[in-house]
Amino acid sequence: MIFSISMALLFGYLVGSTPFAFLLGQKKGANIFKQGSGNPGATNTLILFGKRAAAVVLILDVSKGFFPTMLTAWVTQDQTLAFWTAAGAVLGHVFSMYTKFRGGKALATAGGALLFLQPYPLLITVASYVILAFLIRYIVIATTIVIVGALCVFLFTPQVLAEQVALFLMVAGVLYRHLPNWERIFLKNEPKIGRPVHEVTLERFTKEKQEWLQLSYWITIGMILMAFVVWKI
């Protein structure tokens, strides 16, 4: 089973690593990591290259979560392996092997995977996110509250442990790429919804503080995951 999970994870990772926003930017003679918000996703593509380019990136990012997950489920007839393919796709987007392990926030890729795995809970999550985002007006706060809430529901209801661990890793990858936003929340320069990125200075912590924050994040994630697995066993 460990070998099968590893292969499913690797398959998802290889597909998820394809950096569509970065490739589109290269085609237009730009480096999306160095322009706009610096995030290689549909939102930054919209800011830099317009609606059509953003729509293409969004569809492709959703597809690289949906289709490998669906293919794994159909070929193996194993829901657990499909979850691990989904986790691999999300982690591939977050740590793309083609861009020196830089990546985006993976919300679209995670959404694509969950559209196949958990379509009804996903719809509830998206609706909650939209409402909360417009109430709070900070995307990162709404994102964190909603996906952590959804994860907790999945973790503390009867589910297969391996699937819970896979979803936990998906969420961990997504939240990791939101750390810069939380830095800017702390520094009080995170853009609110409706305020263009170019109107604010996207200041962040020093490099040393960023590295400390990232290390602390993954240590915390590891401890929470270990505690959860021990509790379930």
Protein backbone atom coordinates (compact mmCIF):
# COMPACT_ATOMS: atom_id res chain seq x y z
CA MET A 1 0.00 0.00 0.00
CA ILE A 2 2.89 2.36 0.77
CA PHE A 3 4.29 1.80 -2.73
CA SER A 4 0.89 2.49 -4.32
CA ILE A 5 0.46 5.67 -2.29
CA SER A 6 3.96 6.82 -3.26
CA MET A 7 3.23 6.25 -6.96
CA ALA A 8 -0.10 8.09 -6.71
CA LEU A 9 1.60 10.97 -4.92
CA LEU A 10 4.38 11.11 -7.51
CA PHE A 11 1.92 11.01 -10.42
CA GLY A 12 -0.05 13.90 -8.96
CA TYR A 13 3.13 15.84 -8.22
CA LEU A 14 4.48 15.53 -11.76
CA VAL A 15 1.21 16.79 -13.26
CA GLY A 16 0.70 19.46 -10.61
CA SER A 17 4.21 20.82 -11.10
CA THR A 18 3.37 22.16 -14.56
CA PRO A 19 3.56 25.96 -14.00
CA PHE A 20 0.96 27.22 -16.48
CA ALA A 21 0.97 30.85 -15.29
CA PHE A 22 4.76 30.98 -15.42
CA LEU A 23 4.84 29.44 -18.90
CA LEU A 24 2.22 31.88 -20.18
CA GLY A 25 4.22 34.76 -18.73
CA GLN A 26 7.36 33.51 -20.43
CA LYS A 27 5.49 33.38 -23.73
CA LYS A 28 4.65 37.05 -23.23
CA GLY A 29 8.22 37.91 -22.30
CA ALA A 30 7.58 38.34 -18.57
CA ASN A 31 8.49 36.60 -15.33
CA ILE A 32 5.32 36.30 -13.26
CA PHE A 33 7.37 35.69 -10.11
CA LYS A 34 8.82 39.21 -10.39
CA GLN A 35 5.72 41.18 -11.40
CA GLY A 36 2.44 42.10 -9.74
CA SER A 37 1.93 40.13 -6.55
CA GLY A 38 4.63 37.64 -7.59
CA ASN A 39 2.21 34.73 -7.33
CA PRO A 40 2.03 32.37 -10.34
CA GLY A 41 -1.73 32.00 -10.43
CA ALA A 42 -4.85 33.17 -12.19
CA THR A 43 -5.30 36.34 -10.08
CA ASN A 44 -1.82 37.69 -10.82
CA THR A 45 -2.24 36.63 -14.45
CA LEU A 46 -5.42 38.72 -14.56
CA ILE A 47 -3.55 41.75 -13.20
CA LEU A 48 -0.66 41.38 -15.63
CA PHE A 49 -2.12 39.93 -18.82
CA GLY A 50 -5.90 40.36 -18.74
CA LYS A 51 -9.08 38.31 -18.47
CA ARG A 52 -8.49 35.86 -21.33
CA ALA A 53 -5.06 34.81 -20.09
CA ALA A 54 -6.37 34.50 -16.53
CA ALA A 55 -9.25 32.30 -17.68
CA VAL A 56 -6.84 30.00 -19.50
CA VAL A 57 -4.58 29.69 -16.44
CA LEU A 58 -7.54 29.10 -14.13
CA ILE A 59 -8.96 26.32 -16.30
CA LEU A 60 -5.56 24.64 -16.65
CA ASP A 61 -4.81 24.87 -12.93
CA VAL A 62 -8.20 23.38 -12.05
CA SER A 63 -7.68 20.66 -14.65
CA LYS A 64 -4.31 19.56 -13.26
CA GLY A 65 -6.05 18.82 -9.99
CA PHE A 66 -9.21 17.29 -11.42
CA PHE A 67 -7.99 15.01 -14.21
CA PRO A 68 -5.08 13.16 -12.54
CA THR A 69 -7.27 12.57 -9.49
CA MET A 70 -10.08 11.26 -11.67
CA LEU A 71 -7.69 9.08 -13.68
CA THR A 72 -6.24 7.49 -10.55
CA ALA A 73 -9.72 6.75 -9.22
CA TRP A 74 -10.86 5.19 -12.49
CA VAL A 75 -7.74 3.11 -13.08
CA THR A 76 -7.25 1.85 -9.51
CA GLN A 77 -10.87 1.98 -8.27
CA ASP A 78 -9.32 3.20 -5.01
CA GLN A 79 -10.58 6.43 -3.43
CA THR A 80 -7.61 6.60 -1.06
CA LEU A 81 -5.09 6.59 -3.91
CA ALA A 82 -7.13 9.31 -5.63
CA PHE A 83 -6.76 11.44 -2.49
CA TRP A 84 -3.00 10.96 -2.58
CA THR A 85 -2.86 11.91 -6.25
CA ALA A 86 -4.77 15.06 -5.34
CA ALA A 87 -2.28 15.79 -2.56
CA GLY A 88 0.57 15.32 -5.02
CA ALA A 89 -1.02 17.70 -7.53
CA VAL A 90 -1.42 20.41 -4.89
CA LEU A 91 2.11 19.96 -3.56
CA GLY A 92 3.40 20.00 -7.15
CA HIS A 93 1.77 23.38 -7.71
CA VAL A 94 3.15 24.69 -4.42
CA PHE A 95 6.68 23.29 -4.95
CA SER A 96 7.02 23.04 -8.73
CA MET A 97 10.08 21.10 -9.83
CA TYR A 98 10.21 23.21 -13.00
CA THR A 99 10.60 26.56 -11.20
CA LYS A 100 13.17 25.67 -8.53
CA PHE A 101 10.40 24.57 -6.15
CA ARG A 102 8.64 27.91 -6.21
CA GLY A 103 4.92 27.86 -6.82
CA GLY A 104 1.50 29.33 -6.28
CA LYS A 105 -1.19 29.09 -3.65
CA ALA A 106 -2.78 26.01 -5.30
CA LEU A 107 -6.39 26.96 -4.51
CA ALA A 108 -7.50 26.27 -8.08
CA THR A 109 -5.62 22.95 -8.22
CA ALA A 110 -7.00 21.86 -4.85
CA GLY A 111 -10.46 22.94 -5.97
CA GLY A 112 -10.15 20.85 -9.12
CA ALA A 113 -9.14 17.76 -7.16
CA LEU A 114 -11.92 18.20 -4.61
CA LEU A 115 -14.44 18.84 -7.37
CA PHE A 116 -14.00 15.18 -8.19
CA LEU A 117 -13.47 13.81 -4.67
CA GLN A 118 -15.88 15.88 -2.58
CA PRO A 119 -18.08 18.03 -4.89
CA TYR A 120 -20.88 18.89 -2.44
CA PRO A 121 -18.64 19.83 0.52
CA LEU A 122 -16.55 21.85 -1.95
CA LEU A 123 -19.60 23.87 -3.04
CA ILE A 124 -20.43 24.64 0.59
CA THR A 125 -16.81 25.63 1.24
CA VAL A 126 -16.66 27.92 -1.80
CA ALA A 127 -19.95 29.60 -0.89
CA SER A 128 -18.72 30.15 2.67
CA TYR A 129 -15.44 31.54 1.35
CA VAL A 130 -17.14 34.03 -0.98
CA ILE A 131 -19.42 35.33 1.78
CA LEU A 132 -16.65 35.57 4.34
CA ALA A 133 -14.19 37.19 1.92
CA PHE A 134 -16.58 40.02 1.11
CA LEU A 135 -17.41 40.51 4.79
CA ILE A 136 -13.78 40.58 5.96
CA ARG A 137 -12.28 41.93 2.69
CA TYR A 138 -9.00 40.15 3.33
CA ILE A 139 -8.69 37.07 1.13
CA VAL A 140 -6.02 35.39 3.25
CA ILE A 141 -8.12 35.55 6.44
CA ALA A 142 -11.22 34.20 4.69
CA THR A 143 -9.20 31.47 2.99
CA THR A 144 -7.55 30.32 6.22
CA ILE A 145 -10.76 30.28 8.27
CA VAL A 146 -12.77 28.40 5.64
CA ILE A 147 -10.26 25.73 4.63
CA VAL A 148 -9.11 25.07 8.20
CA GLY A 149 -12.76 24.77 9.21
CA ALA A 150 -13.47 22.37 6.35
CA LEU A 151 -10.36 20.35 7.23
CA CYS A 152 -11.42 20.05 10.87
CA VAL A 153 -14.82 18.73 9.81
CA PHE A 154 -13.10 16.12 7.62
CA LEU A 155 -10.61 15.16 10.34
CA PHE A 156 -13.11 14.78 13.14
CA THR A 157 -15.76 12.80 11.30
CA PRO A 158 -15.51 9.09 10.42
CA GLN A 159 -13.11 8.93 7.46
CA VAL A 160 -10.25 6.75 6.21
CA LEU A 161 -7.06 7.82 8.02
CA ALA A 162 -4.91 7.78 4.86
CA GLU A 163 -7.41 10.08 3.13
CA GLN A 164 -7.42 12.43 6.12
CA VAL A 165 -3.61 12.62 6.06
CA ALA A 166 -3.65 13.33 2.32
CA LEU A 167 -6.16 16.15 2.74
CA PHE A 168 -4.16 17.51 5.68
CA LEU A 169 -1.07 17.73 3.46
CA MET A 170 -3.07 19.46 0.73
CA VAL A 171 -4.27 22.12 3.15
CA ALA A 172 -0.78 22.46 4.66
CA GLY A 173 0.63 23.17 1.20
CA VAL A 174 -2.05 25.76 0.43
CA LEU A 175 -1.61 27.57 3.76
CA TYR A 176 2.18 27.55 3.38
CA ARG A 177 1.92 29.71 0.27
CA HIS A 178 -0.27 32.14 2.21
CA LEU A 179 2.48 32.90 4.74
CA PRO A 180 3.60 36.02 2.78
CA ASN A 181 0.05 37.34 3.05
CA TRP A 182 0.09 36.82 6.80
CA GLU A 183 3.42 38.66 6.96
CA ARG A 184 1.75 41.62 5.23
CA ILE A 185 -1.26 41.38 7.55
CA PHE A 186 1.17 41.73 10.46
CA LEU A 187 2.93 44.64 8.70
CA LYS A 188 -0.46 46.20 7.84
CA ASN A 189 0.09 46.40 4.08
CA GLU A 190 -1.95 43.45 2.80
CA PRO A 191 -4.31 44.64 0.03
CA LYS A 192 -8.01 44.41 0.73
CA ILE A 193 -10.47 43.14 -1.87
CA GLY A 194 -11.09 45.92 -4.37
CA ARG A 195 -7.77 47.65 -3.81
CA PRO A 196 -5.28 47.16 -6.69
CA VAL A 197 -1.96 45.58 -5.77
CA HIS A 198 -0.02 48.44 -7.37
CA GLU A 199 -1.49 50.88 -4.84
CA VAL A 200 0.26 49.23 -1.91
CA THR A 201 3.83 48.36 -1.04
CA LEU A 202 4.03 44.59 -0.68
CA GLU A 203 6.56 44.76 2.15
CA ARG A 204 7.58 41.51 3.84
CA PHE A 205 9.74 40.32 6.70
CA THR A 206 13.50 40.14 6.32
CA LYS A 207 14.83 37.00 4.68
CA GLU A 208 15.98 35.65 8.06
CA LYS A 209 12.53 36.14 9.59
CA GLN A 210 10.89 34.53 6.55
CA GLU A 211 13.08 31.45 6.91
CA TRP A 212 12.34 31.26 10.65
CA LEU A 213 8.60 31.56 9.97
CA GLN A 214 8.68 28.84 7.31
CA LEU A 215 10.66 26.46 9.54
CA SER A 216 8.33 27.12 12.47
CA TYR A 217 5.33 26.51 10.23
CA TRP A 218 6.50 23.09 9.04
CA ILE A 219 7.59 22.01 12.53
CA THR A 220 4.13 22.94 13.80
CA ILE A 221 2.43 21.15 10.91
CA GLY A 222 4.52 18.04 11.55
CA MET A 223 3.69 18.02 15.25
CA ILE A 224 -0.03 18.46 14.62
CA LEU A 225 -0.04 15.68 12.03
CA MET A 226 1.87 13.28 14.29
CA ALA A 227 -0.45 14.02 17.20
CA PHE A 228 -3.50 13.44 15.01
CA VAL A 229 -2.22 10.11 13.65
CA VAL A 230 -1.32 8.87 17.14
CA TRP A 231 -4.76 9.90 18.39
CA LYS A 232 -6.51 8.10 15.51
CA ILE A 233 -4.47 4.92 15.93
